[in-house]
């Protein structure tokens, strides 16, 4: 797991000494004010694992930081790694995953009625085995996904979203964050969507996407595919474009009210099918 280097910088406050002309000659100079330093938050790392039921959905709701998803292999074992940044004297963020209504829920929480202290956060890395759909919710935290083998529903209020090599249906939405995605062939009949209110969207696909793509924005389209563009005067977004990539077997919607949308060809493509180990290095694209 990528380490999270989170912490506040040290600060020192120094006093100043002033000499006055009418001070007695034998008077000792005024002592400088003692330097004080801000105590850095403590980094608390933890790891835990659990055995999922076949096909059990995973819900991750982290309003206090980032979430990173990784392919966790072909067994039913889920692994969770966390890094909490804990300021002195602040209430701890509890992390107690549990099964709720048949789903496995990971939802760190402060005590009821408590708010985050300055510099306090918790970041999660979750290794999810094949065949488990995942839902992720964050506030300002970013969401990153690699080589997942299930459907993804990713939503952040303000954070950025990045995903690569998903074997399953993708839904991703953020408020003012950006979205970057490298998509494999879409599942037949899937209706996938990537939307942001004001951020940019960059998507890389192969000729085997097998999807009808619809894009909408009031900013620019940048693409290596042929587009049919329709102007929408007086609306926001103010234009819509469509293209067919491969067979007409699914749909993909890309929408930003004011952000640029780029639809690019994924060159030097390599499928992550042969990478069963946790977070194994993948070929660059």
C-alpha atoms as a PDB file:
ATOM      1  CA  UNK A   1       0.000   0.000   0.000  1.00  0.00           C
ATOM      2  CA  UNK A   2       1.212   3.475  -0.746  1.00  0.00           C
ATOM      3  CA  UNK A   3       2.247   5.106   2.496  1.00  0.00           C
ATOM      4  CA  UNK A   4       0.450   8.262   3.447  1.00  0.00           C
ATOM      5  CA  UNK A   5       2.886  10.913   4.619  1.00  0.00           C
ATOM      6  CA  UNK A   6       0.518  13.146   6.501  1.00  0.00           C
ATOM      7  CA  UNK A   7       1.519  15.530   9.175  1.00  0.00           C
ATOM      8  CA  UNK A   8       1.772  19.170   9.989  1.00  0.00           C
ATOM      9  CA  UNK A   9       5.051  21.075   9.763  1.00  0.00           C
ATOM     10  CA  UNK A  10       6.888  22.138  12.901  1.00  0.00           C
ATOM     11  CA  UNK A  11       6.613  25.797  13.810  1.00  0.00           C
ATOM     12  CA  UNK A  12       8.756  27.849  16.195  1.00  0.00           C
ATOM     13  CA  UNK A  13       7.925  31.204  17.709  1.00  0.00           C
ATOM     14  CA  UNK A  14      10.934  33.288  18.722  1.00  0.00           C
ATOM     15  CA  UNK A  15      10.885  36.300  21.000  1.00  0.00           C
ATOM     16  CA  UNK A  16      12.811  39.480  20.332  1.00  0.00           C
ATOM     17  CA  UNK A  17      15.059  41.482  22.729  1.00  0.00           C
ATOM     18  CA  UNK A  18      14.981  45.260  22.704  1.00  0.00           C
ATOM     19  CA  UNK A  19      17.652  47.546  24.378  1.00  0.00           C
ATOM     20  CA  UNK A  20      16.688  50.960  25.682  1.00  0.00           C
ATOM     21  CA  UNK A  21      19.155  53.880  25.997  1.00  0.00           C
ATOM     22  CA  UNK A  22      18.160  54.755  29.563  1.00  0.00           C
ATOM     23  CA  UNK A  23      18.459  51.211  30.959  1.00  0.00           C
ATOM     24  CA  UNK A  24      20.955  50.714  33.816  1.00  0.00           C
ATOM     25  CA  UNK A  25      24.337  49.478  32.643  1.00  0.00           C
ATOM     26  CA  UNK A  26      24.324  46.556  35.054  1.00  0.00           C
ATOM     27  CA  UNK A  27      20.867  45.339  34.090  1.00  0.00           C
ATOM     28  CA  UNK A  28      20.879  41.931  32.448  1.00  0.00           C
ATOM     29  CA  UNK A  29      19.386  41.808  28.961  1.00  0.00           C
ATOM     30  CA  UNK A  30      15.822  40.597  28.739  1.00  0.00           C
ATOM     31  CA  UNK A  31      15.557  36.845  28.148  1.00  0.00           C
ATOM     32  CA  UNK A  32      14.184  35.707  24.813  1.00  0.00           C
ATOM     33  CA  UNK A  33      10.780  34.072  24.914  1.00  0.00           C
ATOM     34  CA  UNK A  34      11.125  30.279  24.864  1.00  0.00           C
ATOM     35  CA  UNK A  35      10.570  28.671  21.493  1.00  0.00           C
ATOM     36  CA  UNK A  36       7.472  26.550  21.186  1.00  0.00           C
ATOM     37  CA  UNK A  37       6.798  23.796  18.685  1.00  0.00           C
ATOM     38  CA  UNK A  38       3.569  22.397  17.367  1.00  0.00           C
ATOM     39  CA  UNK A  39       3.161  18.730  18.244  1.00  0.00           C
ATOM     40  CA  UNK A  40       2.709  16.717  15.069  1.00  0.00           C
ATOM     41  CA  UNK A  41      -0.235  14.344  14.778  1.00  0.00           C
ATOM     42  CA  UNK A  42       0.545  10.692  15.390  1.00  0.00           C
ATOM     43  CA  UNK A  43       0.321   8.273  12.453  1.00  0.00           C
ATOM     44  CA  UNK A  44      -1.526   5.117  13.441  1.00  0.00           C
ATOM     45  CA  UNK A  45      -1.373   2.201  10.973  1.00  0.00           C
ATOM     46  CA  UNK A  46      -3.566  -0.857  11.166  1.00  0.00           C
ATOM     47  CA  UNK A  47      -4.298  -3.977   9.111  1.00  0.00           C
ATOM     48  CA  UNK A  48      -7.198  -6.383   9.327  1.00  0.00           C
ATOM     49  CA  UNK A  49      -8.809  -9.022   7.143  1.00  0.00           C
ATOM     50  CA  UNK A  50     -12.095 -10.856   6.890  1.00  0.00           C
ATOM     51  CA  UNK A  51     -13.601 -13.655   4.849  1.00  0.00           C
ATOM     52  CA  UNK A  52     -16.480 -12.477   2.671  1.00  0.00           C
ATOM     53  CA  UNK A  53     -19.486 -14.515   1.669  1.00  0.00           C
ATOM     54  CA  UNK A  54     -19.565 -15.375  -2.057  1.00  0.00           C
ATOM     55  CA  UNK A  55     -20.831 -12.369  -4.003  1.00  0.00           C
ATOM     56  CA  UNK A  56     -21.180 -10.208  -0.892  1.00  0.00           C
ATOM     57  CA  UNK A  57     -21.214  -6.475  -1.684  1.00  0.00           C
ATOM     58  CA  UNK A  58     -18.663  -4.187  -0.025  1.00  0.00           C
ATOM     59  CA  UNK A  59     -19.676  -0.696   1.133  1.00  0.00           C
ATOM     60  CA  UNK A  60     -16.943   1.834   1.984  1.00  0.00           C
ATOM     61  CA  UNK A  61     -18.077   5.155   3.475  1.00  0.00           C
ATOM     62  CA  UNK A  62     -15.113   7.326   4.495  1.00  0.00           C
ATOM     63  CA  UNK A  63     -15.905  11.024   5.044  1.00  0.00           C
ATOM     64  CA  UNK A  64     -12.463  11.624   6.578  1.00  0.00           C
ATOM     65  CA  UNK A  65      -9.963  10.822   3.806  1.00  0.00           C
ATOM     66  CA  UNK A  66      -9.000   8.873   0.678  1.00  0.00           C
ATOM     67  CA  UNK A  67      -9.987   5.372  -0.453  1.00  0.00           C
ATOM     68  CA  UNK A  68      -7.801   3.147  -2.649  1.00  0.00           C
ATOM     69  CA  UNK A  69      -9.176  -0.066  -4.127  1.00  0.00           C
ATOM     70  CA  UNK A  70      -6.991  -2.944  -5.304  1.00  0.00           C
ATOM     71  CA  UNK A  71      -7.688  -6.384  -6.724  1.00  0.00           C
ATOM     72  CA  UNK A  72      -7.414  -8.822  -3.819  1.00  0.00           C
ATOM     73  CA  UNK A  73      -7.115 -12.194  -5.546  1.00  0.00           C
ATOM     74  CA  UNK A  74      -9.445 -15.121  -6.200  1.00  0.00           C
ATOM     75  CA  UNK A  75     -10.160 -16.229  -2.645  1.00  0.00           C
ATOM     76  CA  UNK A  76     -12.920 -14.663  -0.553  1.00  0.00           C
ATOM     77  CA  UNK A  77     -10.483 -12.785   1.674  1.00  0.00           C
ATOM     78  CA  UNK A  78     -10.759  -8.993   2.004  1.00  0.00           C
ATOM     79  CA  UNK A  79      -7.804  -7.070   3.420  1.00  0.00           C
ATOM     80  CA  UNK A  80      -8.071  -3.576   4.888  1.00  0.00           C
ATOM     81  CA  UNK A  81      -5.151  -1.279   5.598  1.00  0.00           C
ATOM     82  CA  UNK A  82      -5.580   2.121   7.207  1.00  0.00           C
ATOM     83  CA  UNK A  83      -3.447   5.102   8.194  1.00  0.00           C
ATOM     84  CA  UNK A  84      -4.990   7.493  10.699  1.00  0.00           C
ATOM     85  CA  UNK A  85      -3.538  10.921  11.387  1.00  0.00           C
ATOM     86  CA  UNK A  86      -4.395  11.553  15.037  1.00  0.00           C
ATOM     87  CA  UNK A  87      -3.727  14.986  16.631  1.00  0.00           C
ATOM     88  CA  UNK A  88      -2.992  14.977  20.379  1.00  0.00           C
ATOM     89  CA  UNK A  89      -6.130  15.195  22.488  1.00  0.00           C
ATOM     90  CA  UNK A  90      -8.531  14.650  19.549  1.00  0.00           C
ATOM     91  CA  UNK A  91     -11.245  12.005  19.648  1.00  0.00           C
ATOM     92  CA  UNK A  92     -10.109   8.892  17.792  1.00  0.00           C
ATOM     93  CA  UNK A  93     -11.792   7.808  14.572  1.00  0.00           C
ATOM     94  CA  UNK A  94     -13.217   4.330  15.157  1.00  0.00           C
ATOM     95  CA  UNK A  95     -12.775   1.761  12.384  1.00  0.00           C
ATOM     96  CA  UNK A  96     -14.898  -1.310  13.056  1.00  0.00           C
ATOM     97  CA  UNK A  97     -16.002  -3.002   9.798  1.00  0.00           C
ATOM     98  CA  UNK A  98     -19.056  -5.212  10.157  1.00  0.00           C
ATOM     99  CA  UNK A  99     -21.764  -7.022   8.207  1.00  0.00           C
ATOM    100  CA  UNK A 100     -24.991  -5.033   7.853  1.00  0.00           C
ATOM    101  CA  UNK A 101     -28.066  -6.197   5.969  1.00  0.00           C
ATOM    102  CA  UNK A 102     -25.993  -8.813   4.149  1.00  0.00           C
ATOM    103  CA  UNK A 103     -23.335  -6.304   3.016  1.00  0.00           C
ATOM    104  CA  UNK A 104     -19.838  -5.841   4.407  1.00  0.00           C
ATOM    105  CA  UNK A 105     -19.583  -2.237   5.560  1.00  0.00           C
ATOM    106  CA  UNK A 106     -16.398  -0.239   6.219  1.00  0.00           C
ATOM    107  CA  UNK A 107     -17.377   3.117   7.725  1.00  0.00           C
ATOM    108  CA  UNK A 108     -14.908   4.927  10.003  1.00  0.00           C
ATOM    109  CA  UNK A 109     -16.656   7.292  12.404  1.00  0.00           C
ATOM    110  CA  UNK A 110     -15.942   9.821  15.120  1.00  0.00           C
ATOM    111  CA  UNK A 111     -18.042   9.667  18.300  1.00  0.00           C
ATOM    112  CA  UNK A 112     -21.531  11.061  17.735  1.00  0.00           C
ATOM    113  CA  UNK A 113     -21.595  14.845  17.759  1.00  0.00           C
ATOM    114  CA  UNK A 114     -17.810  15.212  17.370  1.00  0.00           C
ATOM    115  CA  UNK A 115     -16.077  16.994  14.489  1.00  0.00           C
ATOM    116  CA  UNK A 116     -12.704  16.423  12.866  1.00  0.00           C
ATOM    117  CA  UNK A 117      -9.811  18.162  14.590  1.00  0.00           C
ATOM    118  CA  UNK A 118      -7.329  20.165  12.552  1.00  0.00           C
ATOM    119  CA  UNK A 119      -5.023  17.858  10.541  1.00  0.00           C
ATOM    120  CA  UNK A 120      -7.079  14.785  11.493  1.00  0.00           C
ATOM    121  CA  UNK A 121      -7.909  12.195   8.805  1.00  0.00           C
ATOM    122  CA  UNK A 122      -7.941   8.501   7.965  1.00  0.00           C
ATOM    123  CA  UNK A 123      -7.018   6.925   4.610  1.00  0.00           C
ATOM    124  CA  UNK A 124      -7.996   3.418   3.556  1.00  0.00           C
ATOM    125  CA  UNK A 125      -6.586   0.823   1.146  1.00  0.00           C
ATOM    126  CA  UNK A 126      -8.938  -2.096   0.506  1.00  0.00           C
ATOM    127  CA  UNK A 127      -7.957  -5.289  -1.350  1.00  0.00           C
ATOM    128  CA  UNK A 128     -11.188  -6.790  -2.676  1.00  0.00           C
ATOM    129  CA  UNK A 129     -11.356 -10.331  -4.144  1.00  0.00           C
ATOM    130  CA  UNK A 130     -12.947 -11.172  -7.473  1.00  0.00           C
ATOM    131  CA  UNK A 131     -16.719 -11.145  -7.810  1.00  0.00           C
ATOM    132  CA  UNK A 132     -17.603  -8.557  -5.149  1.00  0.00           C
ATOM    133  CA  UNK A 133     -19.265  -5.289  -6.141  1.00  0.00           C
ATOM    134  CA  UNK A 134     -17.945  -2.206  -4.338  1.00  0.00           C
ATOM    135  CA  UNK A 135     -19.592   1.086  -3.395  1.00  0.00           C
ATOM    136  CA  UNK A 136     -17.365   3.952  -2.212  1.00  0.00           C
ATOM    137  CA  UNK A 137     -18.384   7.300  -0.723  1.00  0.00           C
ATOM    138  CA  UNK A 138     -16.027  10.148   0.284  1.00  0.00           C
ATOM    139  CA  UNK A 139     -16.335  13.871   0.999  1.00  0.00           C
ATOM    140  CA  UNK A 140     -13.078  15.681   0.150  1.00  0.00           C
ATOM    141  CA  UNK A 141     -11.136  12.440  -0.165  1.00  0.00           C
ATOM    142  CA  UNK A 142      -9.908  11.041  -3.481  1.00  0.00           C
ATOM    143  CA  UNK A 143     -10.907   7.614  -4.805  1.00  0.00           C
ATOM    144  CA  UNK A 144      -8.494   5.412  -6.749  1.00  0.00           C
ATOM    145  CA  UNK A 145      -9.205   1.955  -8.177  1.00  0.00           C
ATOM    146  CA  UNK A 146      -6.965  -0.565  -9.951  1.00  0.00           C
ATOM    147  CA  UNK A 147      -7.723  -3.893 -11.620  1.00  0.00           C
ATOM    148  CA  UNK A 148     -10.993  -4.522  -9.787  1.00  0.00           C
ATOM    149  CA  UNK A 149     -13.126  -7.570 -10.687  1.00  0.00           C
ATOM    150  CA  UNK A 150     -16.645  -6.412  -9.943  1.00  0.00           C
ATOM    151  CA  UNK A 151     -19.065  -3.520 -10.453  1.00  0.00           C
ATOM    152  CA  UNK A 152     -17.988  -0.153  -9.019  1.00  0.00           C
ATOM    153  CA  UNK A 153     -20.149   2.706  -7.723  1.00  0.00           C
ATOM    154  CA  UNK A 154     -17.784   5.559  -6.800  1.00  0.00           C
ATOM    155  CA  UNK A 155     -18.968   8.927  -5.486  1.00  0.00           C
ATOM    156  CA  UNK A 156     -17.108  11.848  -3.923  1.00  0.00           C
ATOM    157  CA  UNK A 157     -18.522  15.234  -2.973  1.00  0.00           C
ATOM    158  CA  UNK A 158     -15.329  17.137  -3.820  1.00  0.00           C
ATOM    159  CA  UNK A 159     -12.530  14.601  -4.424  1.00  0.00           C
ATOM    160  CA  UNK A 160     -10.892  13.333  -7.613  1.00  0.00           C
ATOM    161  CA  UNK A 161     -11.597   9.849  -8.983  1.00  0.00           C
ATOM    162  CA  UNK A 162      -9.106   7.683 -10.884  1.00  0.00           C
ATOM    163  CA  UNK A 163      -9.718   4.132 -12.092  1.00  0.00           C
ATOM    164  CA  UNK A 164      -7.959   1.629 -14.308  1.00  0.00           C
ATOM    165  CA  UNK A 165      -8.683  -1.808 -15.689  1.00  0.00           C
ATOM    166  CA  UNK A 166     -12.083  -2.586 -14.180  1.00  0.00           C
ATOM    167  CA  UNK A 167     -13.757  -5.899 -15.071  1.00  0.00           C
ATOM    168  CA  UNK A 168     -17.303  -4.806 -14.365  1.00  0.00           C
ATOM    169  CA  UNK A 169     -19.739  -1.925 -14.681  1.00  0.00           C
ATOM    170  CA  UNK A 170     -18.498   1.520 -13.621  1.00  0.00           C
ATOM    171  CA  UNK A 171     -20.469   4.412 -12.168  1.00  0.00           C
ATOM    172  CA  UNK A 172     -18.369   7.385 -10.980  1.00  0.00           C
ATOM    173  CA  UNK A 173     -19.537  10.829  -9.861  1.00  0.00           C
ATOM    174  CA  UNK A 174     -17.839  13.785  -8.197  1.00  0.00           C
ATOM    175  CA  UNK A 175     -18.923  17.347  -7.533  1.00  0.00           C
ATOM    176  CA  UNK A 176     -16.009  19.604  -8.477  1.00  0.00           C
ATOM    177  CA  UNK A 177     -13.288  16.953  -8.753  1.00  0.00           C
ATOM    178  CA  UNK A 178     -11.779  15.437 -11.902  1.00  0.00           C
ATOM    179  CA  UNK A 179     -12.191  11.911 -13.287  1.00  0.00           C
ATOM    180  CA  UNK A 180      -9.491   9.892 -15.044  1.00  0.00           C
ATOM    181  CA  UNK A 181     -10.261   6.395 -16.311  1.00  0.00           C
ATOM    182  CA  UNK A 182      -8.747   3.642 -18.458  1.00  0.00           C
ATOM    183  CA  UNK A 183     -11.610   1.337 -19.384  1.00  0.00           C
ATOM    184  CA  UNK A 184     -11.615  -2.261 -20.588  1.00  0.00           C
ATOM    185  CA  UNK A 185     -14.356  -3.700 -22.796  1.00  0.00           C
ATOM    186  CA  UNK A 186     -17.711  -2.826 -21.296  1.00  0.00           C
ATOM    187  CA  UNK A 187     -19.890  -5.653 -19.976  1.00  0.00           C
ATOM    188  CA  UNK A 188     -22.620  -6.460 -22.571  1.00  0.00           C
ATOM    189  CA  UNK A 189     -25.727  -4.374 -21.908  1.00  0.00           C
ATOM    190  CA  UNK A 190     -23.995  -2.218 -19.279  1.00  0.00           C
ATOM    191  CA  UNK A 191     -24.954   1.431 -18.862  1.00  0.00           C
ATOM    192  CA  UNK A 192     -21.838   3.123 -17.511  1.00  0.00           C
ATOM    193  CA  UNK A 193     -21.461   6.787 -16.556  1.00  0.00           C
ATOM    194  CA  UNK A 194     -18.695   9.156 -15.450  1.00  0.00           C
ATOM    195  CA  UNK A 195     -19.997  12.560 -14.328  1.00  0.00           C
ATOM    196  CA  UNK A 196     -18.606  15.642 -12.612  1.00  0.00           C
ATOM    197  CA  UNK A 197     -20.230  19.002 -12.056  1.00  0.00           C
ATOM    198  CA  UNK A 198     -17.292  21.230 -12.998  1.00  0.00           C
ATOM    199  CA  UNK A 199     -14.168  19.047 -13.243  1.00  0.00           C
ATOM    200  CA  UNK A 200     -12.404  17.603 -16.273  1.00  0.00           C
ATOM    201  CA  UNK A 201     -12.899  14.036 -17.546  1.00  0.00           C
ATOM    202  CA  UNK A 202     -10.114  12.075 -19.264  1.00  0.00           C
ATOM    203  CA  UNK A 203     -10.949   8.578 -20.524  1.00  0.00           C
ATOM    204  CA  UNK A 204      -8.718   6.136 -22.401  1.00  0.00           C
ATOM    205  CA  UNK A 205     -10.344   3.191 -24.222  1.00  0.00           C
ATOM    206  CA  UNK A 206      -9.436   0.574 -26.828  1.00  0.00           C
ATOM    207  CA  UNK A 207     -11.224  -0.234 -30.065  1.00  0.00           C
ATOM    208  CA  UNK A 208     -12.823  -3.156 -28.186  1.00  0.00           C
ATOM    209  CA  UNK A 209     -14.791  -0.986 -25.756  1.00  0.00           C
ATOM    210  CA  UNK A 210     -17.983  -2.104 -27.550  1.00  0.00           C
ATOM    211  CA  UNK A 211     -20.026   0.877 -26.422  1.00  0.00           C
ATOM    212  CA  UNK A 212     -21.958   3.835 -27.758  1.00  0.00           C
ATOM    213  CA  UNK A 213     -20.386   6.862 -26.064  1.00  0.00           C
ATOM    214  CA  UNK A 214     -22.277  10.066 -25.316  1.00  0.00           C
ATOM    215  CA  UNK A 215     -20.444  13.149 -24.046  1.00  0.00           C
ATOM    216  CA  UNK A 216     -21.838  16.481 -22.839  1.00  0.00           C
ATOM    217  CA  UNK A 217     -20.100  19.666 -21.659  1.00  0.00           C
ATOM    218  CA  UNK A 218     -20.007  23.430 -22.084  1.00  0.00           C
ATOM    219  CA  UNK A 219     -16.204  23.267 -22.398  1.00  0.00           C
ATOM    220  CA  UNK A 220     -14.101  21.516 -25.052  1.00  0.00           C
ATOM    221  CA  UNK A 221     -14.176  18.012 -26.497  1.00  0.00           C
ATOM    222  CA  UNK A 222     -10.758  16.528 -27.257  1.00  0.00           C
ATOM    223  CA  UNK A 223     -10.780  13.114 -28.907  1.00  0.00           C
ATOM    224  CA  UNK A 224      -9.086  10.762 -31.356  1.00  0.00           C
ATOM    225  CA  UNK A 225     -12.462   9.331 -32.429  1.00  0.00           C
ATOM    226  CA  UNK A 226     -14.974  10.711 -34.916  1.00  0.00           C
ATOM    227  CA  UNK A 227     -17.796  12.596 -33.195  1.00  0.00           C
ATOM    228  CA  UNK A 228     -21.261  13.744 -34.094  1.00  0.00           C
ATOM    229  CA  UNK A 229     -21.761  17.008 -32.234  1.00  0.00           C
ATOM    230  CA  UNK A 230     -25.124  18.593 -31.418  1.00  0.00           C
ATOM    231  CA  UNK A 231     -25.354  22.184 -30.147  1.00  0.00           C
ATOM    232  CA  UNK A 232     -27.732  22.831 -27.236  1.00  0.00           C
ATOM    233  CA  UNK A 233     -28.175  26.633 -27.141  1.00  0.00           C
ATOM    234  CA  UNK A 234     -29.283  28.058 -23.803  1.00  0.00           C
ATOM    235  CA  UNK A 235     -28.592  24.813 -21.936  1.00  0.00           C
ATOM    236  CA  UNK A 236     -25.834  23.652 -19.630  1.00  0.00           C
ATOM    237  CA  UNK A 237     -24.038  21.621 -20.869  1.00  0.00           C
ATOM    238  CA  UNK A 238     -24.443  23.454 -24.175  1.00  0.00           C
ATOM    239  CA  UNK A 239     -23.380  20.669 -26.523  1.00  0.00           C
ATOM    240  CA  UNK A 240     -23.553  16.908 -26.805  1.00  0.00           C
ATOM    241  CA  UNK A 241     -21.471  14.481 -28.865  1.00  0.00           C
ATOM    242  CA  UNK A 242     -21.804  10.791 -29.683  1.00  0.00           C
ATOM    243  CA  UNK A 243     -19.560   8.107 -31.148  1.00  0.00           C
ATOM    244  CA  UNK A 244     -19.562   4.328 -31.467  1.00  0.00           C
ATOM    245  CA  UNK A 245     -16.428   2.448 -30.409  1.00  0.00           C
ATOM    246  CA  UNK A 246     -16.469  -1.220 -31.390  1.00  0.00           C
ATOM    247  CA  UNK A 247     -19.817  -3.009 -31.309  1.00  0.00           C
ATOM    248  CA  UNK A 248     -23.027  -1.350 -30.142  1.00  0.00           C
ATOM    249  CA  UNK A 249     -23.333  -3.608 -27.083  1.00  0.00           C
ATOM    250  CA  UNK A 250     -23.392  -1.127 -24.170  1.00  0.00           C
ATOM    251  CA  UNK A 251     -23.426   2.579 -23.371  1.00  0.00           C
ATOM    252  CA  UNK A 252     -21.002   5.024 -21.740  1.00  0.00           C
ATOM    253  CA  UNK A 253     -21.983   8.542 -20.648  1.00  0.00           C
ATOM    254  CA  UNK A 254     -19.379  11.242 -19.934  1.00  0.00           C
ATOM    255  CA  UNK A 255     -20.752  14.530 -18.607  1.00  0.00           C
ATOM    256  CA  UNK A 256     -19.370  17.717 -17.061  1.00  0.00           C
ATOM    257  CA  UNK A 257     -21.176  21.019 -17.010  1.00  0.00           C
ATOM    258  CA  UNK A 258     -18.023  23.089 -17.450  1.00  0.00           C
ATOM    259  CA  UNK A 259     -15.016  20.761 -17.588  1.00  0.00           C
ATOM    260  CA  UNK A 260     -13.108  19.601 -20.662  1.00  0.00           C
ATOM    261  CA  UNK A 261     -13.772  16.027 -21.809  1.00  0.00           C
ATOM    262  CA  UNK A 262     -11.002  13.994 -23.455  1.00  0.00           C
ATOM    263  CA  UNK A 263     -11.702  10.620 -25.061  1.00  0.00           C
ATOM    264  CA  UNK A 264      -8.412   8.997 -26.049  1.00  0.00           C
ATOM    265  CA  UNK A 265      -7.146   5.721 -27.470  1.00  0.00           C
ATOM    266  CA  UNK A 266      -5.515   3.429 -24.918  1.00  0.00           C
ATOM    267  CA  UNK A 267      -2.238   2.510 -26.618  1.00  0.00           C
ATOM    268  CA  UNK A 268       0.304  -0.057 -25.390  1.00  0.00           C
ATOM    269  CA  UNK A 269      -2.676  -1.804 -23.837  1.00  0.00           C
ATOM    270  CA  UNK A 270      -2.134  -4.725 -21.467  1.00  0.00           C
ATOM    271  CA  UNK A 271      -4.899  -6.508 -19.618  1.00  0.00           C
ATOM    272  CA  UNK A 272      -4.464  -7.100 -15.870  1.00  0.00           C
ATOM    273  CA  UNK A 273      -6.069 -10.564 -16.154  1.00  0.00           C
ATOM    274  CA  UNK A 274      -2.806 -12.288 -15.304  1.00  0.00           C
ATOM    275  CA  UNK A 275      -2.107 -10.310 -12.125  1.00  0.00           C
ATOM    276  CA  UNK A 276      -3.595 -12.179  -9.168  1.00  0.00           C
ATOM    277  CA  UNK A 277      -1.282 -10.884  -6.432  1.00  0.00           C
ATOM    278  CA  UNK A 278      -2.107  -7.881  -4.315  1.00  0.00           C
ATOM    279  CA  UNK A 279      -1.095  -4.575  -5.895  1.00  0.00           C
ATOM    280  CA  UNK A 280       1.409  -6.190  -8.250  1.00  0.00           C
ATOM    281  CA  UNK A 281       3.112  -3.750 -10.589  1.00  0.00           C
ATOM    282  CA  UNK A 282       1.223  -3.439 -13.863  1.00  0.00           C
ATOM    283  CA  UNK A 283       2.389  -2.482 -17.328  1.00  0.00           C
ATOM    284  CA  UNK A 284       2.311   1.246 -17.982  1.00  0.00           C
ATOM    285  CA  UNK A 285       0.010   2.661 -20.579  1.00  0.00           C
END
